[in-house]
Protein backbone atom coordinates (compact mmCIF):
# COMPACT_ATOMS: atom_id res chain seq x y z
CA UNK A 1 -0.12 -0.26 -0.28
CA UNK A 2 1.41 3.53 -0.82
CA UNK A 3 0.80 6.31 1.89
CA UNK A 4 0.24 9.78 1.67
CA UNK A 5 0.78 10.82 5.31
CA UNK A 6 -0.15 14.87 6.09
CA UNK A 7 -0.79 16.46 9.38
CA UNK A 8 -2.69 20.08 9.95
CA UNK A 9 -1.60 21.84 13.04
CA UNK A 10 1.04 19.32 13.77
CA UNK A 11 4.55 17.86 12.56
CA UNK A 12 3.83 14.69 11.90
CA UNK A 13 6.38 12.50 13.79
CA UNK A 14 8.51 9.37 12.64
CA UNK A 15 6.65 7.63 15.76
CA UNK A 16 3.43 8.48 14.46
CA UNK A 17 4.54 7.09 10.78
CA UNK A 18 5.13 4.39 12.50
CA UNK A 19 2.43 3.39 14.44
CA UNK A 20 0.32 3.92 10.64
CA UNK A 21 2.97 1.81 9.11
CA UNK A 22 2.45 -0.72 11.60
CA UNK A 23 -1.56 -0.65 12.25
CA UNK A 24 -2.89 -0.06 9.27
CA UNK A 25 -0.10 -2.71 7.79
CA UNK A 26 -2.34 -5.85 9.45
CA UNK A 27 -4.86 -4.65 6.11
CA UNK A 28 -2.42 -5.10 3.55
CA UNK A 29 -4.01 -8.32 2.78
CA UNK A 30 -7.03 -7.35 2.26
CA UNK A 31 -5.30 -5.08 -0.86
CA UNK A 32 -3.40 -4.86 -3.76
CA UNK A 33 0.52 -3.36 -3.78
CA UNK A 34 -0.29 -0.29 -4.90
CA UNK A 35 -3.53 0.78 -3.01
CA UNK A 36 -3.03 4.69 -2.24
CA UNK A 37 -3.95 5.23 1.83
CA UNK A 38 -4.62 9.13 2.35
CA UNK A 39 -3.59 9.51 6.48
CA UNK A 40 -4.54 12.91 8.30
CA UNK A 41 -3.79 14.01 11.12
CA UNK A 42 -4.87 17.36 12.89
CA UNK A 43 -5.43 18.74 16.32
CA UNK A 44 -8.75 20.95 17.17
CA UNK A 45 -8.93 22.25 20.45
CA UNK A 46 -6.70 20.09 22.22
CA UNK A 47 -8.56 16.88 20.74
CA UNK A 48 -6.15 14.83 17.97
CA UNK A 49 -7.90 13.88 15.42
CA UNK A 50 -6.90 11.07 12.39
CA UNK A 51 -8.80 10.99 9.27
CA UNK A 52 -8.05 7.77 6.82
CA UNK A 53 -9.45 7.17 3.43
CA UNK A 54 -8.95 4.58 0.92
CA UNK A 55 -10.00 4.65 -2.46
CA UNK A 56 -11.08 1.17 -3.60
CA UNK A 57 -12.57 0.46 -7.14
CA UNK A 58 -16.15 1.36 -6.29
CA UNK A 59 -16.17 1.77 -2.62
CA UNK A 60 -14.37 4.14 -0.61
CA UNK A 61 -13.21 2.85 2.87
CA UNK A 62 -13.28 6.06 5.05
CA UNK A 63 -12.88 6.62 9.06
CA UNK A 64 -12.00 9.81 11.29
CA UNK A 65 -11.48 9.55 14.80
CA UNK A 66 -10.20 11.60 17.80
CA UNK A 67 -9.33 11.65 21.43
CA UNK A 68 -6.98 12.92 23.87
CA UNK A 69 -4.29 11.02 22.53
CA UNK A 70 -3.27 10.57 18.83
CA UNK A 71 -1.95 6.85 19.42
CA UNK A 72 -5.51 6.57 20.93
CA UNK A 73 -6.88 8.10 17.83
CA UNK A 74 -4.72 5.57 15.53
CA UNK A 75 -5.62 2.53 17.07
CA UNK A 76 -10.23 3.52 17.09
CA UNK A 77 -9.80 4.43 13.39
CA UNK A 78 -7.63 1.19 12.76
CA UNK A 79 -10.64 -0.74 14.52
CA UNK A 80 -13.40 1.38 12.11
CA UNK A 81 -11.14 0.15 9.01
CA UNK A 82 -11.31 -3.09 9.67
CA UNK A 83 -14.68 -3.41 10.12
CA UNK A 84 -15.39 -1.78 6.90
CA UNK A 85 -12.78 -4.37 5.16
CA UNK A 86 -14.25 -6.77 6.03
CA UNK A 87 -18.27 -5.98 5.62
CA UNK A 88 -17.03 -5.33 2.25
CA UNK A 89 -15.21 -8.23 1.77
CA UNK A 90 -18.11 -10.41 3.30
CA UNK A 91 -19.99 -8.74 0.95
CA UNK A 92 -18.17 -9.55 -2.29
CA UNK A 93 -17.65 -12.84 -1.08
CA UNK A 94 -21.28 -13.64 -0.21
CA UNK A 95 -22.30 -11.77 -3.47
CA UNK A 96 -19.97 -13.89 -5.79
CA UNK A 97 -20.81 -17.19 -3.95
CA UNK A 98 -24.43 -16.17 -4.68
CA UNK A 99 -23.46 -16.01 -8.21
CA UNK A 100 -22.24 -19.26 -8.30
CA UNK A 101 -24.99 -20.45 -6.36
CA UNK A 102 -27.60 -19.64 -8.69
CA UNK A 103 -25.85 -20.22 -11.66
CA UNK A 104 -25.66 -23.69 -10.57
CA UNK A 105 -28.66 -24.02 -9.48
CA UNK A 106 -30.51 -22.66 -12.05
CA UNK A 107 -28.77 -22.55 -15.54
CA UNK A 108 -27.32 -25.76 -16.98
CA UNK A 109 -24.84 -26.29 -19.55
CA UNK A 110 -27.14 -25.95 -21.98
CA UNK A 111 -29.04 -23.32 -21.32
CA UNK A 112 -25.86 -21.89 -21.53
CA UNK A 113 -25.19 -22.63 -25.36
CA UNK A 114 -28.75 -21.32 -26.15
CA UNK A 115 -29.82 -17.26 -26.28
CA UNK A 116 -33.27 -17.66 -27.37
CA UNK A 117 -35.86 -17.46 -24.01
CA UNK A 118 -38.39 -20.41 -24.09
CA UNK A 119 -41.75 -20.22 -22.64
CA UNK A 120 -42.82 -23.38 -20.49
CA UNK A 121 -45.94 -22.44 -19.82
CA UNK A 122 -48.57 -19.66 -19.82
CA UNK A 123 -51.87 -19.02 -18.73
CA UNK A 124 -55.03 -17.02 -19.96
CA UNK A 125 -57.47 -15.02 -17.20
CA UNK A 126 -60.25 -12.83 -17.54
CA UNK A 127 -58.88 -9.71 -15.79
CA UNK A 128 -61.84 -7.97 -13.69
CA UNK A 129 -62.24 -4.78 -12.73
CA UNK A 130 -61.54 -3.83 -8.88
CA UNK A 131 -60.05 -1.34 -6.77
CA UNK A 132 -56.36 -2.26 -5.32
CA UNK A 133 -57.70 -3.09 -2.11
CA UNK A 134 -59.88 -5.35 -3.54
CA UNK A 135 -57.24 -6.84 -5.24
CA UNK A 136 -54.67 -7.41 -2.60
CA UNK A 137 -57.02 -9.61 -0.78
CA UNK A 138 -57.74 -11.53 -3.46
CA UNK A 139 -53.87 -11.96 -4.02
CA UNK A 140 -53.89 -13.42 -0.43
CA UNK A 141 -56.73 -15.80 -0.68
CA UNK A 142 -55.07 -17.23 -3.82
CA UNK A 143 -51.83 -17.06 -1.69
CA UNK A 144 -49.25 -15.19 -4.05
CA UNK A 145 -46.61 -12.89 -4.23
CA UNK A 146 -48.68 -10.61 -6.81
CA UNK A 147 -51.84 -10.34 -8.43
CA UNK A 148 -52.97 -8.30 -12.23
CA UNK A 149 -56.48 -6.76 -11.97
CA UNK A 150 -57.83 -3.87 -14.03
CA UNK A 151 -58.15 -1.09 -12.23
CA UNK A 152 -62.02 0.15 -11.43
CA UNK A 153 -60.98 4.15 -10.93
CA UNK A 154 -58.53 4.27 -13.79
CA UNK A 155 -59.47 0.99 -16.40
CA UNK A 156 -56.21 0.28 -16.72
CA UNK A 157 -54.24 -2.75 -16.28
CA UNK A 158 -52.43 -2.83 -12.81
CA UNK A 159 -50.42 -5.24 -10.84
CA UNK A 160 -50.49 -5.18 -6.63
CA UNK A 161 -47.28 -7.25 -4.66
CA UNK A 162 -46.65 -7.78 -1.59
CA UNK A 163 -43.43 -6.85 0.14
CA UNK A 164 -41.75 -7.01 3.18
CA UNK A 165 -43.48 -6.33 6.68
CA UNK A 166 -47.11 -7.26 5.53
CA UNK A 167 -47.15 -4.24 3.01
CA UNK A 168 -48.18 -4.06 -0.36
CA UNK A 169 -47.10 -1.74 -3.34
CA UNK A 170 -49.08 -1.13 -6.36
CA UNK A 171 -47.58 -1.51 -10.16
CA UNK A 172 -49.74 1.21 -12.70
CA UNK A 173 -49.02 1.39 -16.39
CA UNK A 174 -47.65 4.97 -18.13
CA UNK A 175 -48.29 5.35 -21.13
């Protein structure tokens, strides 16, 4: 990692630099060798403050902490950065695992070669005029996650769908 260390109202000593290299060095396994790390020390009204910014592809890891002692501030900011990095790494890992699972579970090798869409089943039904509230009740009675109906107020085809927390959504087309 490449460090850019600066100070506002403070002289950056070798001790502070070595503390940064030592503490943030533990996180080098998560980053590429050419990752830029921007560290800014500052003193404001007897508060020792440190800001660390690590730009990554599509994401920025940033933390700032302050205390009465600069070395305590360094420890605090490293803890925050560690949490952010592990959370980001877990998110990426989960996304990759979900992608691999989805690929294995839902696609066969034949599907990868075929680029045409195959409709396996189609269904025809009468679209009845009703109010959105009635459509929600009908959807619940059927045990479905969505319900297509003709809105009695607008005479347009609408869709109601179930959301998290036992709430409902309404999709109205706009022409």
